[in-house]
C-alpha atoms as a PDB file:
ATOM      1  CA  MET A   1      40.255  18.574  -0.872  1.00  0.00           C
ATOM      2  CA  PRO A   2      37.968  16.084   1.183  1.00  0.00           C
ATOM      3  CA  GLU A   3      36.969  12.888  -0.342  1.00  0.00           C
ATOM      4  CA  LEU A   4      33.606  11.646  -0.827  1.00  0.00           C
ATOM      5  CA  PRO A   5      33.840   9.248   2.082  1.00  0.00           C
ATOM      6  CA  GLU A   6      34.754  12.392   4.470  1.00  0.00           C
ATOM      7  CA  VAL A   7      32.168  14.089   3.133  1.00  0.00           C
ATOM      8  CA  GLU A   8      29.277  11.835   4.042  1.00  0.00           C
ATOM      9  CA  THR A   9      30.755  11.519   7.551  1.00  0.00           C
ATOM     10  CA  VAL A  10      30.395  15.526   7.915  1.00  0.00           C
ATOM     11  CA  ARG A  11      26.605  15.098   6.741  1.00  0.00           C
ATOM     12  CA  ARG A  12      26.056  12.153   9.022  1.00  0.00           C
ATOM     13  CA  ASP A  13      27.419  14.252  11.821  1.00  0.00           C
ATOM     14  CA  LEU A  14      25.564  17.160  11.086  1.00  0.00           C
ATOM     15  CA  ARG A  15      22.185  14.878  11.208  1.00  0.00           C
ATOM     16  CA  ARG A  16      23.155  13.840  14.460  1.00  0.00           C
ATOM     17  CA  GLY A  17      24.448  16.644  15.739  1.00  0.00           C
ATOM     18  CA  VAL A  18      22.104  19.423  14.815  1.00  0.00           C
ATOM     19  CA  SER A  19      18.810  18.401  13.278  1.00  0.00           C
ATOM     20  CA  GLY A  20      15.880  20.331  14.363  1.00  0.00           C
ATOM     21  CA  ALA A  21      18.172  22.564  16.220  1.00  0.00           C
ATOM     22  CA  LEU A  22      17.236  26.484  15.930  1.00  0.00           C
ATOM     23  CA  ILE A  23      20.048  28.495  14.295  1.00  0.00           C
ATOM     24  CA  ASP A  24      20.345  31.660  16.529  1.00  0.00           C
ATOM     25  CA  ARG A  25      23.767  32.922  16.068  1.00  0.00           C
ATOM     26  CA  VAL A  26      25.884  33.011  13.048  1.00  0.00           C
ATOM     27  CA  GLU A  27      29.078  34.360  12.494  1.00  0.00           C
ATOM     28  CA  VAL A  28      30.914  34.317   9.201  1.00  0.00           C
ATOM     29  CA  LEU A  29      34.151  34.181   9.906  1.00  0.00           C
ATOM     30  CA  ASP A  30      35.107  34.791   6.085  1.00  0.00           C
ATOM     31  CA  ASP A  31      32.799  36.669   3.463  1.00  0.00           C
ATOM     32  CA  ARG A  32      34.873  35.488   0.113  1.00  0.00           C
ATOM     33  CA  PRO A  33      32.718  32.716  -0.438  1.00  0.00           C
ATOM     34  CA  LEU A  34      29.284  34.607  -0.347  1.00  0.00           C
ATOM     35  CA  ARG A  35      29.922  36.708  -3.071  1.00  0.00           C
ATOM     36  CA  ASP A  36      27.161  39.131  -3.838  1.00  0.00           C
ATOM     37  CA  SER A  37      25.632  39.214  -0.288  1.00  0.00           C
ATOM     38  CA  PRO A  38      26.886  40.741   2.565  1.00  0.00           C
ATOM     39  CA  ALA A  39      27.686  39.306   5.592  1.00  0.00           C
ATOM     40  CA  GLY A  40      25.188  40.433   7.988  1.00  0.00           C
ATOM     41  CA  VAL A  41      22.309  39.988   5.434  1.00  0.00           C
ATOM     42  CA  PHE A  42      23.423  36.231   5.406  1.00  0.00           C
ATOM     43  CA  ALA A  43      23.846  35.836   9.120  1.00  0.00           C
ATOM     44  CA  ARG A  44      20.251  37.488   9.452  1.00  0.00           C
ATOM     45  CA  SER A  45      18.771  35.261   6.713  1.00  0.00           C
ATOM     46  CA  LEU A  46      19.569  32.190   8.961  1.00  0.00           C
ATOM     47  CA  ARG A  47      18.587  33.335  12.724  1.00  0.00           C
ATOM     48  CA  GLY A  48      15.448  31.939  13.353  1.00  0.00           C
ATOM     49  CA  ARG A  49      15.600  29.030  11.361  1.00  0.00           C
ATOM     50  CA  ARG A  50      15.688  25.116  11.787  1.00  0.00           C
ATOM     51  CA  PHE A  51      17.554  22.416  10.235  1.00  0.00           C
ATOM     52  CA  THR A  52      15.324  20.215   9.024  1.00  0.00           C
ATOM     53  CA  GLY A  53      17.492  17.958   6.739  1.00  0.00           C
ATOM     54  CA  PHE A  54      20.756  16.804   5.291  1.00  0.00           C
ATOM     55  CA  ALA A  55      21.760  15.727   2.252  1.00  0.00           C
ATOM     56  CA  ARG A  56      25.237  15.302  -0.263  1.00  0.00           C
ATOM     57  CA  ARG A  57      25.517  16.045  -3.652  1.00  0.00           C
ATOM     58  CA  GLY A  58      29.115  14.926  -4.918  1.00  0.00           C
ATOM     59  CA  LYS A  59      31.457  16.831  -2.386  1.00  0.00           C
ATOM     60  CA  TYR A  60      28.229  19.236  -1.743  1.00  0.00           C
ATOM     61  CA  LEU A  61      26.471  19.132   1.521  1.00  0.00           C
ATOM     62  CA  LEU A  62      22.860  20.601   1.260  1.00  0.00           C
ATOM     63  CA  CYS A  63      21.449  22.026   4.294  1.00  0.00           C
ATOM     64  CA  THR A  64      17.639  21.955   4.583  1.00  0.00           C
ATOM     65  CA  LEU A  65      16.435  24.776   6.571  1.00  0.00           C
ATOM     66  CA  SER A  66      13.057  25.277   8.051  1.00  0.00           C
ATOM     67  CA  SER A  67      11.970  27.976   5.282  1.00  0.00           C
ATOM     68  CA  GLY A  68      12.433  25.579   2.835  1.00  0.00           C
ATOM     69  CA  GLU A  69      15.896  26.913   1.975  1.00  0.00           C
ATOM     70  CA  THR A  70      19.036  24.743   1.459  1.00  0.00           C
ATOM     71  CA  LEU A  71      21.961  26.262   2.421  1.00  0.00           C
ATOM     72  CA  VAL A  72      24.730  24.745   0.198  1.00  0.00           C
ATOM     73  CA  ILE A  73      27.963  23.986   1.610  1.00  0.00           C
ATOM     74  CA  HIS A  74      31.546  23.070  -0.020  1.00  0.00           C
ATOM     75  CA  LEU A  75      34.368  21.570   2.099  1.00  0.00           C
ATOM     76  CA  ARG A  76      37.219  23.146   0.147  1.00  0.00           C
ATOM     77  CA  MET A  77      40.555  22.479   1.235  1.00  0.00           C
ATOM     78  CA  THR A  78      39.487  21.049   4.449  1.00  0.00           C
ATOM     79  CA  ALA A  79      36.920  19.417   6.097  1.00  0.00           C
ATOM     80  CA  PRO A  80      35.704  21.831   9.498  1.00  0.00           C
ATOM     81  CA  GLY A  81      36.499  20.651  12.314  1.00  0.00           C
ATOM     82  CA  LYS A  82      33.004  20.465  14.938  1.00  0.00           C
ATOM     83  CA  ARG A  83      32.048  24.174  15.077  1.00  0.00           C
ATOM     84  CA  TRP A  84      28.650  24.052  16.303  1.00  0.00           C
ATOM     85  CA  SER A  85      26.619  24.155  19.424  1.00  0.00           C
ATOM     86  CA  SER A  86      23.453  22.555  19.548  1.00  0.00           C
ATOM     87  CA  THR A  87      20.552  23.014  22.199  1.00  0.00           C
ATOM     88  CA  CYS A  88      17.584  20.649  20.320  1.00  0.00           C
ATOM     89  CA  GLY A  89      13.897  21.545  21.447  1.00  0.00           C
END
């Protein structure tokens, strides 16, 4: 389980790496955490949005999107490697 400093590091890395980036592709590797939302619906709902802010509440990452929605992420048992690419602009 990642500790708070590790979650904060991921938040800062996201802010530096993808703030303002357009989400043009979403790949759902494990749809179990999505609960009642089919993976395709979830992916389509994110495409075309931009990341506008990043915050942390405990061990949850809050990614604000240009739509005004917030993507909530919990790192579970391991902190993720950098799995994003960005061409901001």
